[in-house]
Amino acid sequence: MNQPTAIIPISEARTKLGQITKTLTGDNYVILTKGGKARAALVDIQFLNQLQADLSKLYKKTFIDPQMLSGTREFSDAEVKNWEKTDALS
């Protein structure tokens, strides 16, 4: 995913909402802040729909039993890249 196209205070975004939405294509997004903290994001609706569909598929394929959490670990970027490389060959 790309970095945000912009980080904008909500108060400023109110006056530029139409203009901001024109920048939301593909995986471009805008972070809205309030009091200097990220509060929301504006994203392209087609991108959001695809994210939701992908996430739904992922949840259908994976399940971690809460009792097994102590035996799980995060995989390194190198491990993931190796798997992607192996998958590309098959």
Protein backbone atom coordinates (compact mmCIF):
# COMPACT_ATOMS: atom_id res chain seq x y z
CA MET A 1 0.00 0.00 0.00
CA ASN A 2 1.15 3.50 -0.76
CA GLN A 3 1.90 6.20 1.77
CA PRO A 4 -0.97 8.65 2.30
CA THR A 5 -1.45 11.20 -0.45
CA ALA A 6 -1.87 13.79 2.30
CA ILE A 7 -2.34 14.23 6.02
CA ILE A 8 -4.90 16.97 6.59
CA PRO A 9 -6.65 18.38 9.68
CA ILE A 10 -10.38 17.65 9.62
CA SER A 11 -11.11 21.38 9.89
CA GLU A 12 -9.19 22.00 6.66
CA ALA A 13 -10.66 18.96 4.90
CA ARG A 14 -14.20 20.27 5.42
CA THR A 15 -13.58 23.11 3.00
CA LYS A 16 -11.72 20.98 0.45
CA LEU A 17 -13.66 17.70 0.54
CA GLY A 18 -14.63 17.74 -3.14
CA GLN A 19 -11.06 18.46 -4.20
CA ILE A 20 -9.64 15.83 -1.83
CA THR A 21 -11.94 13.09 -3.12
CA LYS A 22 -10.57 13.60 -6.64
CA THR A 23 -7.15 12.39 -5.40
CA LEU A 24 -8.58 9.13 -4.05
CA THR A 25 -7.88 6.65 -6.81
CA GLY A 26 -6.65 3.11 -6.40
CA ASP A 27 -4.72 2.71 -3.18
CA ASN A 28 -4.14 6.46 -2.69
CA TYR A 29 -5.67 7.69 0.56
CA VAL A 30 -5.81 10.73 2.81
CA ILE A 31 -5.42 10.73 6.59
CA LEU A 32 -7.64 13.16 8.52
CA THR A 33 -6.34 14.45 11.84
CA LYS A 34 -7.86 16.13 14.85
CA GLY A 35 -5.65 17.67 17.49
CA GLY A 36 -2.62 16.35 15.62
CA LYS A 37 -3.75 12.72 15.89
CA ALA A 38 -4.95 10.53 13.03
CA ARG A 39 -8.72 10.07 13.35
CA ALA A 40 -9.96 8.80 10.00
CA ALA A 41 -8.96 8.01 6.44
CA LEU A 42 -10.57 8.78 3.11
CA VAL A 43 -10.14 6.01 0.53
CA ASP A 44 -11.35 5.19 -2.95
CA ILE A 45 -14.61 3.23 -2.60
CA GLN A 46 -13.55 0.55 -5.11
CA PHE A 47 -10.31 0.06 -3.17
CA LEU A 48 -12.27 -0.26 0.08
CA ASN A 49 -14.63 -2.80 -1.48
CA GLN A 50 -11.66 -4.85 -2.71
CA LEU A 51 -9.99 -4.68 0.71
CA GLN A 52 -13.17 -5.92 2.37
CA ALA A 53 -13.51 -8.77 -0.14
CA ASP A 54 -9.87 -9.78 0.32
CA LEU A 55 -10.21 -9.66 4.09
CA SER A 56 -13.36 -11.76 3.97
CA LYS A 57 -11.53 -14.43 1.94
CA LEU A 58 -8.61 -14.34 4.35
CA TYR A 59 -10.82 -14.84 7.39
CA LYS A 60 -12.47 -17.81 5.72
CA LYS A 61 -9.08 -19.46 5.25
CA THR A 62 -7.46 -18.79 8.60
CA PHE A 63 -8.33 -19.42 12.20
CA ILE A 64 -6.18 -19.35 15.28
CA ASP A 65 -7.56 -21.17 18.30
CA PRO A 66 -7.15 -18.77 21.26
CA GLN A 67 -5.61 -21.62 23.26
CA MET A 68 -2.89 -21.91 20.62
CA LEU A 69 -1.91 -18.22 20.61
CA SER A 70 1.04 -18.81 22.94
CA GLY A 71 2.49 -21.16 20.30
CA THR A 72 2.22 -18.69 17.43
CA ARG A 73 4.77 -16.19 16.19
CA GLU A 74 5.09 -13.47 13.59
CA PHE A 75 6.98 -14.42 10.47
CA SER A 76 9.92 -12.35 9.27
CA ASP A 77 9.80 -10.40 6.03
CA ALA A 78 12.47 -12.76 4.66
CA GLU A 79 10.28 -15.80 5.36
CA VAL A 80 7.28 -14.19 3.70
CA LYS A 81 9.32 -13.17 0.64
CA ASN A 82 10.65 -16.72 0.35
CA TRP A 83 7.09 -18.10 0.41
CA GLU A 84 5.99 -15.57 -2.21
CA LYS A 85 8.90 -16.61 -4.39
CA THR A 86 8.04 -20.30 -3.95
CA ASP A 87 4.36 -19.61 -4.72
CA ALA A 88 5.30 -17.75 -7.90
CA LEU A 89 7.17 -20.81 -9.13
CA SER A 90 4.20 -23.14 -8.70
